[in-house]
N, C-alpha and C. Protein backbone atom coordinates (compact mmCIF):
# COMPACT_ATOMS: atom_id res chain seq x y z
N MET A 1 82.66 130.22 169.95
CA MET A 1 84.04 130.83 170.52
C MET A 1 84.68 131.76 170.09
N LYS A 2 85.71 132.30 170.18
CA LYS A 2 86.39 133.53 170.03
C LYS A 2 87.59 132.51 169.11
N ASN A 3 87.94 133.74 167.85
CA ASN A 3 88.75 133.23 166.82
C ASN A 3 89.89 132.77 167.26
N ASP A 4 90.66 132.99 168.60
CA ASP A 4 91.97 133.14 168.66
C ASP A 4 91.67 131.77 169.45
N LYS A 5 91.34 130.61 169.41
CA LYS A 5 91.24 129.65 169.84
C LYS A 5 90.91 128.51 168.65
N THR A 6 92.00 127.22 169.10
CA THR A 6 91.64 126.33 168.09
C THR A 6 90.94 124.77 168.23
N ILE A 7 90.03 124.39 167.86
CA ILE A 7 89.46 122.98 168.32
C ILE A 7 89.73 122.37 167.18
N ILE A 8 90.21 121.07 168.19
CA ILE A 8 90.79 119.67 167.23
C ILE A 8 90.12 118.75 167.77
N ASP A 9 89.35 118.08 166.87
CA ASP A 9 88.57 116.81 166.78
C ASP A 9 89.28 115.87 166.90
N VAL A 10 89.61 114.82 167.68
CA VAL A 10 90.32 113.81 167.79
C VAL A 10 90.22 112.31 167.12
N ARG A 11 88.58 112.73 166.83
CA ARG A 11 88.31 111.03 166.52
C ARG A 11 88.63 110.92 164.75
N THR A 12 88.36 109.47 164.39
CA THR A 12 88.29 109.16 163.00
C THR A 12 87.91 109.96 162.29
N PRO A 13 88.26 110.08 160.85
CA PRO A 13 87.45 111.07 160.00
C PRO A 13 86.25 110.59 159.53
N LEU A 14 86.16 109.33 159.78
CA LEU A 14 84.58 108.98 159.56
C LEU A 14 83.61 109.46 160.89
N GLU A 15 84.05 109.31 161.84
CA GLU A 15 83.42 109.95 163.14
C GLU A 15 82.98 111.51 162.53
N PHE A 16 84.25 112.11 162.61
CA PHE A 16 84.16 113.61 162.38
C PHE A 16 83.08 113.96 161.14
N MET A 17 82.78 113.51 159.96
CA MET A 17 82.04 113.43 158.76
C MET A 17 80.73 113.29 159.42
N GLY A 18 80.32 112.51 160.52
CA GLY A 18 79.30 112.30 161.11
C GLY A 18 78.77 113.43 161.86
N GLY A 19 79.64 114.09 162.21
CA GLY A 19 78.89 115.48 162.85
C GLY A 19 80.25 116.07 163.66
N ASN A 20 80.38 117.22 164.09
CA ASN A 20 81.39 117.87 164.51
C ASN A 20 80.87 119.35 164.93
N ALA A 21 81.89 119.77 166.04
CA ALA A 21 81.46 121.34 166.42
C ALA A 21 82.33 122.28 165.33
N PRO A 22 81.37 123.30 165.11
CA PRO A 22 81.37 124.04 163.85
C PRO A 22 82.85 124.78 164.45
N GLY A 23 83.80 124.98 162.98
CA GLY A 23 84.87 125.45 163.07
C GLY A 23 85.96 124.80 163.60
N SER A 24 85.65 123.22 163.82
CA SER A 24 86.93 122.68 164.31
C SER A 24 87.56 121.59 163.47
N ILE A 25 88.92 121.43 163.62
CA ILE A 25 89.32 120.62 162.67
C ILE A 25 89.68 119.00 162.94
N ASN A 26 89.88 118.33 161.97
CA ASN A 26 89.94 116.89 162.57
C ASN A 26 91.20 116.38 162.46
N ILE A 27 91.92 116.25 163.75
CA ILE A 27 93.30 115.41 163.48
C ILE A 27 93.19 114.19 164.51
N PRO A 28 92.87 113.13 163.98
CA PRO A 28 92.66 111.83 164.58
C PRO A 28 93.94 111.76 165.70
N LEU A 29 93.55 111.04 166.66
CA LEU A 29 94.27 110.58 168.18
C LEU A 29 95.70 110.28 167.50
N ASN A 30 95.68 109.15 166.67
CA ASN A 30 96.98 108.47 166.09
C ASN A 30 97.84 109.62 165.57
N GLU A 31 97.49 110.69 165.00
CA GLU A 31 98.30 111.57 163.92
C GLU A 31 98.86 112.87 164.82
N ILE A 32 98.35 112.91 166.45
CA ILE A 32 98.80 114.09 167.06
C ILE A 32 100.33 114.16 166.94
N GLY A 33 100.98 113.02 167.90
CA GLY A 33 102.32 112.91 167.38
C GLY A 33 103.12 113.40 166.40
N GLU A 34 102.78 113.14 165.12
CA GLU A 34 103.51 113.20 164.12
C GLU A 34 102.88 115.04 163.59
N ARG A 35 102.02 115.51 164.01
CA ARG A 35 101.85 116.88 163.59
C ARG A 35 101.74 118.11 164.63
N ILE A 36 103.19 117.74 165.80
CA ILE A 36 103.32 118.43 166.99
C ILE A 36 103.67 119.88 166.08
N ASP A 37 104.50 120.26 165.14
CA ASP A 37 104.93 121.47 164.48
C ASP A 37 103.58 122.20 164.23
N GLU A 38 102.87 121.32 163.26
CA GLU A 38 101.37 122.13 162.82
C GLU A 38 100.77 122.49 163.86
N ILE A 39 100.38 121.79 164.83
CA ILE A 39 99.59 122.34 166.41
C ILE A 39 100.31 123.68 167.07
N LYS A 40 101.60 123.49 166.62
CA LYS A 40 102.52 124.50 167.50
C LYS A 40 102.03 125.90 166.73
N GLN A 41 101.93 126.03 165.75
CA GLN A 41 101.44 127.02 164.99
C GLN A 41 100.15 127.28 165.16
N MET A 42 99.22 126.70 165.56
CA MET A 42 97.64 127.21 165.48
C MET A 42 97.72 128.00 166.74
N PRO A 43 96.46 128.81 166.69
CA PRO A 43 96.14 129.53 167.87
C PRO A 43 96.08 129.20 168.83
N HIS A 44 96.20 129.45 170.09
CA HIS A 44 96.11 128.73 171.56
C HIS A 44 95.28 129.68 172.22
N PRO A 45 94.54 129.27 173.18
CA PRO A 45 94.51 127.91 173.52
C PRO A 45 93.95 126.86 172.68
N ILE A 46 94.40 125.36 172.82
CA ILE A 46 93.83 124.34 171.81
C ILE A 46 92.73 124.24 172.36
N VAL A 47 91.47 123.68 172.09
CA VAL A 47 90.42 122.56 172.72
C VAL A 47 90.30 121.39 172.06
N LEU A 48 90.59 120.58 173.00
CA LEU A 48 90.63 119.18 172.04
C LEU A 48 89.25 118.50 173.07
N CYS A 49 88.65 117.74 171.64
CA CYS A 49 87.43 117.05 171.76
C CYS A 49 87.47 115.92 170.80
N CYS A 50 86.47 115.05 171.26
CA CYS A 50 86.13 113.56 170.58
C CYS A 50 84.59 113.16 170.86
N ALA A 51 84.45 112.10 171.34
CA ALA A 51 83.30 111.33 171.38
C ALA A 51 82.70 111.44 172.72
N SER A 52 83.90 111.05 173.83
CA SER A 52 82.95 111.33 175.19
C SER A 52 84.30 112.04 176.00
N GLY A 53 85.42 112.14 175.76
CA GLY A 53 86.56 112.93 176.13
C GLY A 53 87.70 112.52 176.67
N ASN A 54 87.64 110.84 176.25
CA ASN A 54 88.57 109.78 176.37
C ASN A 54 89.97 110.44 175.96
N ARG A 55 89.66 110.16 174.54
CA ARG A 55 90.57 110.21 173.55
C ARG A 55 91.14 111.70 173.55
N SER A 56 90.48 112.63 173.92
CA SER A 56 90.80 114.26 173.85
C SER A 56 91.42 114.21 175.05
N GLY A 57 91.21 113.72 176.31
CA GLY A 57 92.00 113.59 177.33
C GLY A 57 93.17 113.03 177.30
N GLN A 58 93.67 111.97 176.40
CA GLN A 58 94.83 111.34 175.98
C GLN A 58 95.52 112.45 175.15
N ALA A 59 95.01 113.03 174.12
CA ALA A 59 95.53 114.19 173.50
C ALA A 59 96.02 115.36 174.10
N THR A 60 95.16 115.90 174.93
CA THR A 60 95.63 116.91 175.83
C THR A 60 96.70 116.63 176.79
N SER A 61 96.72 115.36 177.53
CA SER A 61 98.15 115.13 178.29
C SER A 61 99.29 115.08 177.56
N PHE A 62 99.19 114.67 176.32
CA PHE A 62 100.32 114.45 175.60
C PHE A 62 100.80 115.62 175.19
N LEU A 63 100.04 116.74 174.55
CA LEU A 63 100.29 118.00 174.27
C LEU A 63 100.86 118.76 175.27
N ARG A 64 100.11 118.55 176.42
CA ARG A 64 100.45 119.60 177.92
C ARG A 64 102.12 118.81 178.22
N SER A 65 102.34 117.92 177.56
CA SER A 65 103.75 117.47 177.81
C SER A 65 104.68 117.89 176.90
N MET A 66 104.15 118.43 176.00
CA MET A 66 104.95 119.01 175.05
C MET A 66 105.20 120.42 175.20
N GLY A 67 104.31 120.89 176.05
CA GLY A 67 104.39 122.37 176.28
C GLY A 67 103.18 123.17 175.44
N ILE A 68 102.48 122.56 175.02
CA ILE A 68 101.26 123.11 174.06
C ILE A 68 100.27 123.54 175.24
N ASP A 69 99.74 124.95 175.12
CA ASP A 69 98.34 125.36 176.01
C ASP A 69 97.15 124.70 175.28
N CYS A 70 96.69 123.84 176.43
CA CYS A 70 95.25 123.13 175.69
C CYS A 70 94.37 122.32 176.62
N LYS A 71 93.29 122.44 176.19
CA LYS A 71 92.40 121.95 177.41
C LYS A 71 91.66 120.87 177.01
N ASN A 72 91.06 119.68 177.48
CA ASN A 72 90.23 119.10 177.00
C ASN A 72 88.57 119.64 177.09
N GLY A 73 88.24 119.44 176.13
CA GLY A 73 86.72 119.93 175.73
C GLY A 73 85.41 118.87 176.09
N GLY A 74 86.21 117.35 176.34
CA GLY A 74 85.39 116.51 176.20
C GLY A 74 84.26 116.10 174.83
N CYS A 75 83.39 115.84 174.78
CA CYS A 75 82.45 115.59 173.72
C CYS A 75 82.10 116.57 172.87
N TRP A 76 82.34 116.62 171.72
CA TRP A 76 82.11 117.58 170.31
C TRP A 76 80.93 118.39 170.67
N PHE A 77 80.08 117.34 171.19
CA PHE A 77 78.57 118.02 170.89
C PHE A 77 78.57 119.41 172.02
N GLU A 78 79.22 118.79 173.25
CA GLU A 78 79.10 119.87 174.31
C GLU A 78 79.93 120.83 174.00
N VAL A 79 81.14 120.69 173.15
CA VAL A 79 81.99 121.82 172.82
C VAL A 79 81.11 122.75 171.96
N THR A 80 80.09 122.23 171.19
CA THR A 80 79.41 123.24 170.36
C THR A 80 78.30 124.24 171.17
N MET A 81 78.11 123.73 172.67
CA MET A 81 77.29 124.18 173.41
C MET A 81 77.68 125.14 174.38
N LEU A 82 79.13 125.32 174.58
CA LEU A 82 80.10 126.30 175.30
C LEU A 82 80.51 127.24 174.85
N ASN A 83 80.35 127.94 175.40
CA ASN A 83 80.81 129.88 174.84
C ASN A 83 82.52 129.99 175.31
N GLU A 84 82.81 130.98 174.76
CA GLU A 84 84.27 131.14 175.21
C GLU A 84 85.04 131.26 176.67
N ASN A 85 83.89 131.53 177.58
CA ASN A 85 84.49 131.65 179.17
C ASN A 85 84.37 130.32 179.53
N ASP A 86 83.90 129.27 179.10
CA ASP A 86 84.17 127.62 179.90
C ASP A 86 85.59 127.49 179.12
N PHE A 87 86.28 128.14 178.79
CA PHE A 87 87.91 127.67 178.30
C PHE A 87 88.77 128.69 178.67
N ALA A 88 88.53 129.58 179.25
CA ALA A 88 89.31 130.41 180.13
C ALA A 88 90.02 130.15 181.14
C-alpha cells in the first residue's frame, strides 16, 4: 500500500502481537473513541482491520460518523494481500 494511507488494526494488543499487516498500527476498538484527535492527524484514508471484519466494521462506522475518511479492510491477513487499488 502507498504511504499516504494508514492501516489501523483494532484487535487487542495480544492479538496484534500474534500477527499483523505490515506497517499497521494497533489501536484497540475500545480506544478508538478516546483517540479521535490522533486518528484525525494520520494520513487518510484510514483502512481498518481486525480478525474477521466485525470490529473493524464497528470502528469504520464510528469514524465515518465523526467525518473521518476510512474503509473497512476486513481481516488483517487479507489486508496484507491487497494492493493500493483495492482501497481507492
